Amino acid sequence: MNRPFGAVDVAANLKGAVAKTVTQKLLVSLAEKGELVQKLYGKTTFFVANQANIASVPDEEIATLEAERKQVEEENSLKAAEAKALINELARLKSTPTNDELDTQIADTKAAIAKALARLQPLRGGATLVSADDIAQIDTEWVKWRAEWTRRRKIFTSASARLHSWTRRFWQLGTDALPPQDASALAEDLGIEFDTSEHQALERSHICTANPLKRKR
């Protein structure tokens, strides 16, 4: 290279293998032999290759080297395109399921098909389907009997509110001395039924709260 270097640069490139003072002496010695050209810039000395010792390259050889450079660049472009195609193919292959994964997917698909066919079998066998009229009739019955249940519950709640204190004292007098099992049996014998957790959950569900006049299908 024709770039000028100082003793500090050369010593740094040698990774400290040669001391800076020794490097300076060696460069001066080469300059005295004519292999380098020594130039002084202020207090700093720089050295550059002696251009007179470098043989000139004929135009024909330069043209040959230029042709070789272009050929290498074209080959490099072809190799880069080939490498890109191979990388894309590798990515495609990695995204493709393996044989084991395909076997698992096929087995899952067959199981899903078998399950769907099992559900369709009763329909293919002539099973009676619920018609729209049947569904409408069920809805009508639901609204009718829930309204009746709600009306009776209001009557019971209104009556029990007035008799609450008396019935509580009466019930406690009659059941405090009984084990829990006997108290439950007594309530059953008297026909007293309380809402279960299922009843309470049903009353809180959308079936009862979404439309008080008609249950949604």
Protein backbone atom coordinates (compact mmCIF):
# COMPACT_ATOMS: atom_id res chain seq x y z
CA MET A 1 0.00 0.00 0.00
CA ASN A 2 1.15 3.55 -0.66
CA ARG A 3 -0.21 4.83 2.64
CA PRO A 4 2.50 6.48 4.78
CA PHE A 5 3.26 4.92 8.18
CA GLY A 6 5.12 6.10 11.23
CA ALA A 7 7.10 4.03 13.71
CA VAL A 8 4.13 4.12 16.11
CA ASP A 9 1.80 2.66 13.46
CA VAL A 10 4.20 -0.13 12.53
CA ALA A 11 4.86 -1.03 16.19
CA ALA A 12 1.13 -1.14 16.85
CA ASN A 13 0.57 -3.43 13.84
CA LEU A 14 3.29 -5.74 15.19
CA LYS A 15 1.30 -5.96 18.46
CA GLY A 16 4.23 -4.76 20.49
CA ALA A 17 6.54 -7.57 19.32
CA VAL A 18 9.09 -4.90 18.39
CA ALA A 19 9.67 -1.81 20.51
CA LYS A 20 8.85 1.59 19.00
CA THR A 21 12.45 2.81 19.21
CA VAL A 22 13.73 -0.34 17.48
CA THR A 23 11.01 0.02 14.82
CA GLN A 24 12.10 3.60 14.19
CA LYS A 25 15.72 2.52 13.69
CA LEU A 26 14.70 -0.28 11.31
CA LEU A 27 12.56 2.08 9.20
CA VAL A 28 15.40 4.62 9.01
CA SER A 29 17.76 1.85 7.96
CA LEU A 30 15.40 0.76 5.18
CA ALA A 31 15.08 4.38 4.07
CA GLU A 32 18.87 4.68 3.89
CA LYS A 33 18.95 1.56 1.69
CA GLY A 34 16.40 3.14 -0.66
CA GLU A 35 13.62 0.61 0.02
CA LEU A 36 11.51 3.27 1.75
CA VAL A 37 11.13 7.02 1.36
CA GLN A 38 11.42 9.03 4.57
CA LYS A 39 9.44 12.24 4.95
CA LEU A 40 9.41 14.64 7.87
CA TYR A 41 6.21 16.46 8.88
CA GLY A 42 7.00 18.77 11.75
CA LYS A 43 8.57 16.62 14.45
CA THR A 44 7.04 13.37 13.12
CA THR A 45 8.75 11.13 10.59
CA PHE A 46 6.70 9.09 8.14
CA PHE A 47 7.78 6.38 5.76
CA VAL A 48 6.28 5.33 2.44
CA ALA A 49 7.15 2.66 -0.08
CA ASN A 50 9.64 3.76 -2.70
CA GLN A 51 7.57 3.97 -5.87
CA ALA A 52 10.71 3.79 -7.99
CA ASN A 53 11.28 0.21 -6.85
CA ILE A 54 7.78 -0.90 -7.82
CA ALA A 55 7.55 -2.29 -11.34
CA SER A 56 4.85 -0.74 -13.48
CA VAL A 57 2.08 -3.01 -14.77
CA PRO A 58 1.54 -3.02 -18.56
CA ASP A 59 -1.85 -2.02 -19.88
CA GLU A 60 -2.41 -5.52 -21.26
CA GLU A 61 -1.91 -7.08 -17.83
CA ILE A 62 -4.20 -4.48 -16.24
CA ALA A 63 -6.89 -5.33 -18.79
CA THR A 64 -6.44 -9.06 -18.04
CA LEU A 65 -6.72 -8.46 -14.31
CA GLU A 66 -9.82 -6.30 -14.85
CA ALA A 67 -11.44 -9.07 -16.90
CA GLU A 68 -10.61 -11.60 -14.18
CA ARG A 69 -12.11 -9.28 -11.56
CA LYS A 70 -15.37 -8.98 -13.49
CA GLN A 71 -15.52 -12.74 -13.99
CA VAL A 72 -15.01 -13.34 -10.27
CA GLU A 73 -17.72 -10.79 -9.44
CA GLU A 74 -20.16 -12.54 -11.81
CA GLU A 75 -19.35 -15.93 -10.30
CA ASN A 76 -19.76 -14.46 -6.85
CA SER A 77 -23.20 -13.08 -7.80
CA LEU A 78 -24.25 -16.51 -9.11
CA LYS A 79 -23.04 -18.20 -5.94
CA ALA A 80 -24.88 -15.63 -3.80
CA ALA A 81 -28.13 -16.26 -5.71
CA GLU A 82 -27.63 -20.03 -5.37
CA ALA A 83 -26.97 -19.67 -1.64
CA LYS A 84 -30.13 -17.58 -1.24
CA ALA A 85 -32.21 -20.20 -3.07
CA LEU A 86 -30.77 -22.96 -0.88
CA ILE A 87 -31.54 -20.95 2.28
CA ASN A 88 -35.15 -20.47 1.14
CA GLU A 89 -35.45 -24.17 0.36
CA LEU A 90 -34.04 -25.04 3.78
CA ALA A 91 -36.56 -22.73 5.48
CA ARG A 92 -39.39 -24.36 3.50
CA LEU A 93 -38.22 -27.84 4.47
CA LYS A 94 -37.99 -26.85 8.13
CA SER A 95 -41.58 -25.55 8.05
CA THR A 96 -42.83 -28.79 6.47
CA PRO A 97 -44.12 -31.38 8.97
CA THR A 98 -41.98 -34.44 9.51
CA ASN A 99 -43.24 -37.95 8.79
CA ASP A 100 -44.02 -38.50 12.47
CA GLU A 101 -45.90 -35.19 12.66
CA LEU A 102 -47.86 -36.08 9.52
CA ASP A 103 -48.78 -39.46 11.01
CA THR A 104 -50.04 -37.72 14.15
CA GLN A 105 -52.07 -35.18 12.15
CA ILE A 106 -53.58 -37.94 10.01
CA ALA A 107 -54.52 -39.95 13.10
CA ASP A 108 -56.13 -36.88 14.71
CA THR A 109 -58.06 -36.13 11.52
CA LYS A 110 -59.30 -39.72 11.27
CA ALA A 111 -60.41 -39.61 14.91
CA ALA A 112 -62.31 -36.35 14.30
CA ILE A 113 -63.98 -37.84 11.22
CA ALA A 114 -64.97 -40.95 13.16
CA LYS A 115 -66.43 -38.83 15.95
CA ALA A 116 -68.42 -36.71 13.46
CA LEU A 117 -69.71 -39.85 11.70
CA ALA A 118 -70.78 -41.32 15.05
CA ARG A 119 -72.81 -38.19 15.74
CA LEU A 120 -74.35 -38.33 12.25
CA GLN A 121 -75.23 -42.00 12.45
CA PRO A 122 -78.49 -41.54 14.43
CA LEU A 123 -79.62 -38.92 11.91
CA ARG A 124 -78.83 -41.19 8.99
CA GLY A 125 -80.69 -43.98 10.74
CA GLY A 126 -83.94 -42.02 10.62
CA ALA A 127 -83.93 -40.58 14.15
CA THR A 128 -86.69 -38.05 14.72
CA LEU A 129 -85.45 -34.48 14.87
CA VAL A 130 -86.95 -31.76 17.03
CA SER A 131 -89.00 -29.54 14.77
CA ALA A 132 -89.36 -25.78 15.00
CA ASP A 133 -92.96 -26.24 16.17
CA ASP A 134 -91.80 -28.55 18.99
CA ILE A 135 -89.23 -25.99 20.09
CA ALA A 136 -91.86 -23.23 20.03
CA GLN A 137 -94.18 -25.42 22.11
CA ILE A 138 -91.44 -26.07 24.65
CA ASP A 139 -90.78 -22.33 24.90
CA THR A 140 -94.46 -21.67 25.44
CA GLU A 141 -94.65 -24.29 28.18
CA TRP A 142 -91.51 -22.92 29.78
CA VAL A 143 -92.90 -19.38 29.95
CA LYS A 144 -96.27 -20.62 31.22
CA TRP A 145 -95.02 -22.82 34.04
CA ARG A 146 -92.23 -20.51 35.12
CA ALA A 147 -94.76 -17.68 35.44
CA GLU A 148 -96.93 -20.00 37.56
CA TRP A 149 -93.94 -20.96 39.72
CA THR A 150 -92.98 -17.29 40.12
CA ARG A 151 -96.55 -16.40 41.16
CA ARG A 152 -96.71 -19.16 43.77
CA ARG A 153 -93.27 -18.28 45.07
CA LYS A 154 -94.36 -14.66 45.56
CA ILE A 155 -97.40 -15.87 47.50
CA PHE A 156 -95.24 -18.08 49.68
CA THR A 157 -92.67 -15.32 50.20
CA SER A 158 -95.34 -12.79 51.15
CA ALA A 159 -96.97 -15.19 53.61
CA SER A 160 -93.70 -16.40 55.05
CA ALA A 161 -92.56 -12.82 55.61
CA ARG A 162 -95.51 -12.21 57.93
CA LEU A 163 -95.03 -15.51 59.71
CA HIS A 164 -91.24 -15.44 59.65
CA SER A 165 -90.64 -14.65 63.31
CA TRP A 166 -93.30 -17.12 64.48
CA THR A 167 -92.17 -19.95 62.18
CA ARG A 168 -88.52 -19.42 63.09
CA ARG A 169 -89.34 -19.67 66.82
CA PHE A 170 -91.59 -22.66 66.17
CA TRP A 171 -89.08 -24.39 63.97
CA GLN A 172 -86.23 -23.77 66.39
CA LEU A 173 -88.32 -25.12 69.31
CA GLY A 174 -89.07 -28.21 67.30
CA THR A 175 -85.65 -28.85 65.77
CA ASP A 176 -83.07 -27.54 68.24
CA ALA A 177 -83.26 -30.78 70.16
CA LEU A 178 -83.09 -32.89 66.93
CA PRO A 179 -80.00 -34.06 65.10
CA PRO A 180 -79.49 -32.44 61.65
CA GLN A 181 -80.62 -35.62 59.89
CA ASP A 182 -83.89 -35.74 61.86
CA ALA A 183 -84.51 -32.03 61.30
CA SER A 184 -84.12 -32.54 57.54
CA ALA A 185 -86.44 -35.55 57.67
CA LEU A 186 -89.05 -33.50 59.56
CA ALA A 187 -88.88 -30.74 56.92
CA GLU A 188 -89.39 -33.33 54.20
CA ASP A 189 -92.36 -34.86 56.02
CA LEU A 190 -93.95 -31.43 56.34
CA GLY A 191 -93.49 -30.81 52.61
CA ILE A 192 -91.11 -27.88 53.07
CA GLU A 193 -88.83 -27.51 50.05
CA PHE A 194 -86.02 -24.97 49.80
CA ASP A 195 -84.29 -23.75 46.64
CA THR A 196 -81.22 -25.81 45.85
CA SER A 197 -77.99 -24.40 44.46
CA GLU A 198 -79.12 -25.58 40.99
CA HIS A 199 -82.38 -23.60 41.32
CA GLN A 200 -80.48 -20.49 42.40
CA ALA A 201 -77.99 -20.85 39.53
CA LEU A 202 -80.87 -21.25 37.06
CA GLU A 203 -82.57 -18.09 38.32
CA ARG A 204 -79.31 -16.15 37.87
CA SER A 205 -78.67 -17.53 34.37
CA HIS A 206 -79.52 -15.75 31.10
CA ILE A 207 -82.45 -18.11 30.60
CA CYS A 208 -84.39 -16.35 33.38
CA THR A 209 -82.83 -12.88 33.32
CA ALA A 210 -82.40 -12.14 29.59
CA ASN A 211 -86.11 -12.05 28.75
CA PRO A 212 -88.67 -12.55 31.51
CA LEU A 213 -91.45 -13.15 28.97
CA LYS A 214 -89.79 -15.69 26.70
CA ARG A 215 -86.85 -18.01 27.11
CA LYS A 216 -84.16 -17.57 24.48
CA ARG A 217 -83.39 -20.54 22.26
